[in-house]
Amino acid sequence: MRDQPKTAQQLLKTPYAKIPEIESEDGYEVTPLGVSDEGVIRYRIKHTQNLAANFSQEDKQRLVTGGFNGVCLNQQFRDRFKEGFPAYEIEHVDKNNQLIDKVFVSEDTCRSGRPDGR
């Protein structure tokens, strides 16, 4: 089923699969963006108190690590891999909707045990 994103999308229409919720917190607004044609579950996280220009490489690495931990350590998120969804894409934007970074977390990334997937 992993090679059949349409099947994954059909699953979303059933009561058995739902996009896991990422909680909005103070300083962050989370918007589920749905599922891409390839079956990738997508989110946008808006950093409401920051500008993209102020994010250092270290800050961006923390976004990658946070996305990795958020998906790989959460059973609800990992269960979507078993249902055939290949990955998560988390788009981080600043308070003006300027892209900060996109974090991509696949099942292989989780298996490797490293946020950078290596």
C-alpha atoms as a PDB file:
ATOM      1  CA  MET A   1       0.000   0.000   0.000  1.00  0.00           C
ATOM      2  CA  ARG A   2       2.984   2.300   0.563  1.00  0.00           C
ATOM      3  CA  ASP A   3       3.315   2.700  -3.213  1.00  0.00           C
ATOM      4  CA  GLN A   4      -0.328   3.627  -3.598  1.00  0.00           C
ATOM      5  CA  PRO A   5      -0.889   7.207  -2.411  1.00  0.00           C
ATOM      6  CA  LYS A   6      -4.434   7.141  -3.780  1.00  0.00           C
ATOM      7  CA  THR A   7      -5.206   4.315  -1.346  1.00  0.00           C
ATOM      8  CA  ALA A   8      -3.768   6.430   1.459  1.00  0.00           C
ATOM      9  CA  GLN A   9      -5.982   9.336   0.403  1.00  0.00           C
ATOM     10  CA  GLN A  10      -9.019   7.049   0.281  1.00  0.00           C
ATOM     11  CA  LEU A  11      -8.208   5.964   3.837  1.00  0.00           C
ATOM     12  CA  LEU A  12      -8.531   9.586   4.937  1.00  0.00           C
ATOM     13  CA  LYS A  13     -12.174   9.466   3.908  1.00  0.00           C
ATOM     14  CA  THR A  14     -12.816   6.554   6.259  1.00  0.00           C
ATOM     15  CA  PRO A  15     -13.299   6.824  10.031  1.00  0.00           C
ATOM     16  CA  TYR A  16     -10.138   4.757  10.539  1.00  0.00           C
ATOM     17  CA  ALA A  17      -7.513   7.307   9.571  1.00  0.00           C
ATOM     18  CA  LYS A  18      -7.264  10.941  10.447  1.00  0.00           C
ATOM     19  CA  ILE A  19      -4.506  13.500  10.238  1.00  0.00           C
ATOM     20  CA  PRO A  20      -2.924  13.668  13.691  1.00  0.00           C
ATOM     21  CA  GLU A  21      -3.420  17.014  15.356  1.00  0.00           C
ATOM     22  CA  ILE A  22      -0.497  19.264  16.168  1.00  0.00           C
ATOM     23  CA  GLU A  23      -1.525  21.539  19.017  1.00  0.00           C
ATOM     24  CA  SER A  24      -1.237  25.297  18.519  1.00  0.00           C
ATOM     25  CA  GLU A  25       0.676  26.887  21.386  1.00  0.00           C
ATOM     26  CA  ASP A  26       1.462  30.413  22.443  1.00  0.00           C
ATOM     27  CA  GLY A  27       3.535  31.895  19.622  1.00  0.00           C
ATOM     28  CA  TYR A  28       2.569  29.205  17.090  1.00  0.00           C
ATOM     29  CA  GLU A  29      -0.453  28.665  14.855  1.00  0.00           C
ATOM     30  CA  VAL A  30      -0.769  25.215  13.303  1.00  0.00           C
ATOM     31  CA  THR A  31      -2.756  24.633  10.113  1.00  0.00           C
ATOM     32  CA  PRO A  32      -3.205  21.154   8.624  1.00  0.00           C
ATOM     33  CA  LEU A  33      -2.745  21.497   4.844  1.00  0.00           C
ATOM     34  CA  GLY A  34      -4.122  18.075   3.986  1.00  0.00           C
ATOM     35  CA  VAL A  35      -2.461  15.374   1.917  1.00  0.00           C
ATOM     36  CA  SER A  36      -0.423  15.842  -1.254  1.00  0.00           C
ATOM     37  CA  ASP A  37      -0.994  13.773  -4.415  1.00  0.00           C
ATOM     38  CA  GLU A  38       1.909  11.589  -3.258  1.00  0.00           C
ATOM     39  CA  GLY A  39       0.186  10.900   0.075  1.00  0.00           C
ATOM     40  CA  VAL A  40       2.427  13.194   2.160  1.00  0.00           C
ATOM     41  CA  ILE A  41       0.616  14.642   5.192  1.00  0.00           C
ATOM     42  CA  ARG A  42       1.288  18.394   5.275  1.00  0.00           C
ATOM     43  CA  TYR A  43       1.164  21.064   7.981  1.00  0.00           C
ATOM     44  CA  ARG A  44       2.034  24.746   8.247  1.00  0.00           C
ATOM     45  CA  ILE A  45       3.350  26.115  11.529  1.00  0.00           C
ATOM     46  CA  LYS A  46       3.293  29.880  11.752  1.00  0.00           C
ATOM     47  CA  HIS A  47       5.745  31.413  14.209  1.00  0.00           C
ATOM     48  CA  THR A  48       3.630  34.423  15.155  1.00  0.00           C
ATOM     49  CA  GLN A  49       6.332  36.327  17.039  1.00  0.00           C
ATOM     50  CA  ASN A  50       9.339  35.834  14.750  1.00  0.00           C
ATOM     51  CA  LEU A  51      10.721  36.833  11.369  1.00  0.00           C
ATOM     52  CA  ALA A  52      12.375  34.345   9.017  1.00  0.00           C
ATOM     53  CA  ALA A  53      15.466  36.573   8.774  1.00  0.00           C
ATOM     54  CA  ASN A  54      16.062  36.117  12.508  1.00  0.00           C
ATOM     55  CA  PHE A  55      16.333  32.304  12.316  1.00  0.00           C
ATOM     56  CA  SER A  56      19.938  31.116  12.529  1.00  0.00           C
ATOM     57  CA  GLN A  57      21.116  27.765  11.155  1.00  0.00           C
ATOM     58  CA  GLU A  58      20.991  26.483  14.728  1.00  0.00           C
ATOM     59  CA  ASP A  59      17.362  27.631  15.033  1.00  0.00           C
ATOM     60  CA  LYS A  60      16.515  25.865  11.761  1.00  0.00           C
ATOM     61  CA  GLN A  61      18.226  22.690  12.990  1.00  0.00           C
ATOM     62  CA  ARG A  62      15.992  22.833  16.076  1.00  0.00           C
ATOM     63  CA  LEU A  63      12.955  22.898  13.751  1.00  0.00           C
ATOM     64  CA  VAL A  64      14.248  19.739  12.045  1.00  0.00           C
ATOM     65  CA  THR A  65      14.930  18.019  15.380  1.00  0.00           C
ATOM     66  CA  GLY A  66      11.536  19.097  16.726  1.00  0.00           C
ATOM     67  CA  GLY A  67       9.740  17.725  13.663  1.00  0.00           C
ATOM     68  CA  PHE A  68      11.670  14.473  13.898  1.00  0.00           C
ATOM     69  CA  ASN A  69      10.844  14.039  17.605  1.00  0.00           C
ATOM     70  CA  GLY A  70       7.239  15.142  17.107  1.00  0.00           C
ATOM     71  CA  VAL A  71       6.616  12.479  14.466  1.00  0.00           C
ATOM     72  CA  CYS A  72       8.972   9.645  15.395  1.00  0.00           C
ATOM     73  CA  LEU A  73       8.225   9.610  19.125  1.00  0.00           C
ATOM     74  CA  ASN A  74       4.437   9.864  18.758  1.00  0.00           C
ATOM     75  CA  GLN A  75       2.529   6.623  18.148  1.00  0.00           C
ATOM     76  CA  GLN A  76      -0.405   8.428  16.535  1.00  0.00           C
ATOM     77  CA  PHE A  77       1.922   9.911  13.903  1.00  0.00           C
ATOM     78  CA  ARG A  78       3.848   6.656  13.371  1.00  0.00           C
ATOM     79  CA  ASP A  79       0.579   4.775  12.829  1.00  0.00           C
ATOM     80  CA  ARG A  80      -0.030   6.798   9.661  1.00  0.00           C
ATOM     81  CA  PHE A  81       3.115   5.228   8.149  1.00  0.00           C
ATOM     82  CA  LYS A  82       1.583   1.782   8.704  1.00  0.00           C
ATOM     83  CA  GLU A  83      -1.520   2.960   6.846  1.00  0.00           C
ATOM     84  CA  GLY A  84       0.523   3.823   3.765  1.00  0.00           C
ATOM     85  CA  PHE A  85       1.252   7.526   4.193  1.00  0.00           C
ATOM     86  CA  PRO A  86       4.917   7.914   3.155  1.00  0.00           C
ATOM     87  CA  ALA A  87       5.909  11.053   5.077  1.00  0.00           C
ATOM     88  CA  TYR A  88       5.096  14.308   6.813  1.00  0.00           C
ATOM     89  CA  GLU A  89       6.011  17.757   5.542  1.00  0.00           C
ATOM     90  CA  ILE A  90       5.996  20.587   8.063  1.00  0.00           C
ATOM     91  CA  GLU A  91       6.290  24.048   6.558  1.00  0.00           C
ATOM     92  CA  HIS A  92       7.497  26.670   9.034  1.00  0.00           C
ATOM     93  CA  VAL A  93       6.617  30.291   8.226  1.00  0.00           C
ATOM     94  CA  ASP A  94       7.171  33.532  10.097  1.00  0.00           C
ATOM     95  CA  LYS A  95       4.561  36.038  11.239  1.00  0.00           C
ATOM     96  CA  ASN A  96       4.477  37.511   7.692  1.00  0.00           C
ATOM     97  CA  ASN A  97       4.070  34.056   6.087  1.00  0.00           C
ATOM     98  CA  GLN A  98       7.663  34.073   4.779  1.00  0.00           C
ATOM     99  CA  LEU A  99       9.077  30.548   4.565  1.00  0.00           C
ATOM    100  CA  ILE A 100      11.602  29.737   7.288  1.00  0.00           C
ATOM    101  CA  ASP A 101      12.160  26.083   6.400  1.00  0.00           C
ATOM    102  CA  LYS A 102      10.385  22.880   5.372  1.00  0.00           C
ATOM    103  CA  VAL A 103      10.904  19.796   7.481  1.00  0.00           C
ATOM    104  CA  PHE A 104      10.325  16.415   5.838  1.00  0.00           C
ATOM    105  CA  VAL A 105      10.008  13.327   8.055  1.00  0.00           C
ATOM    106  CA  SER A 106       9.608   9.879   6.489  1.00  0.00           C
ATOM    107  CA  GLU A 107       9.381   6.427   8.022  1.00  0.00           C
ATOM    108  CA  ASP A 108      12.994   5.840   6.900  1.00  0.00           C
ATOM    109  CA  THR A 109      14.047   9.007   8.745  1.00  0.00           C
ATOM    110  CA  CYS A 110      12.488   7.626  11.938  1.00  0.00           C
ATOM    111  CA  ARG A 111      14.078   4.223  11.390  1.00  0.00           C
ATOM    112  CA  SER A 112      17.527   5.776  10.961  1.00  0.00           C
ATOM    113  CA  GLY A 113      17.097   7.477  14.344  1.00  0.00           C
ATOM    114  CA  ARG A 114      18.547  10.765  13.103  1.00  0.00           C
ATOM    115  CA  PRO A 115      16.674  14.006  12.415  1.00  0.00           C
ATOM    116  CA  ASP A 116      18.652  14.585   9.196  1.00  0.00           C
ATOM    117  CA  GLY A 117      17.767  11.089   7.967  1.00  0.00           C
ATOM    118  CA  ARG A 118      21.407   9.995   7.520  1.00  0.00           C
END
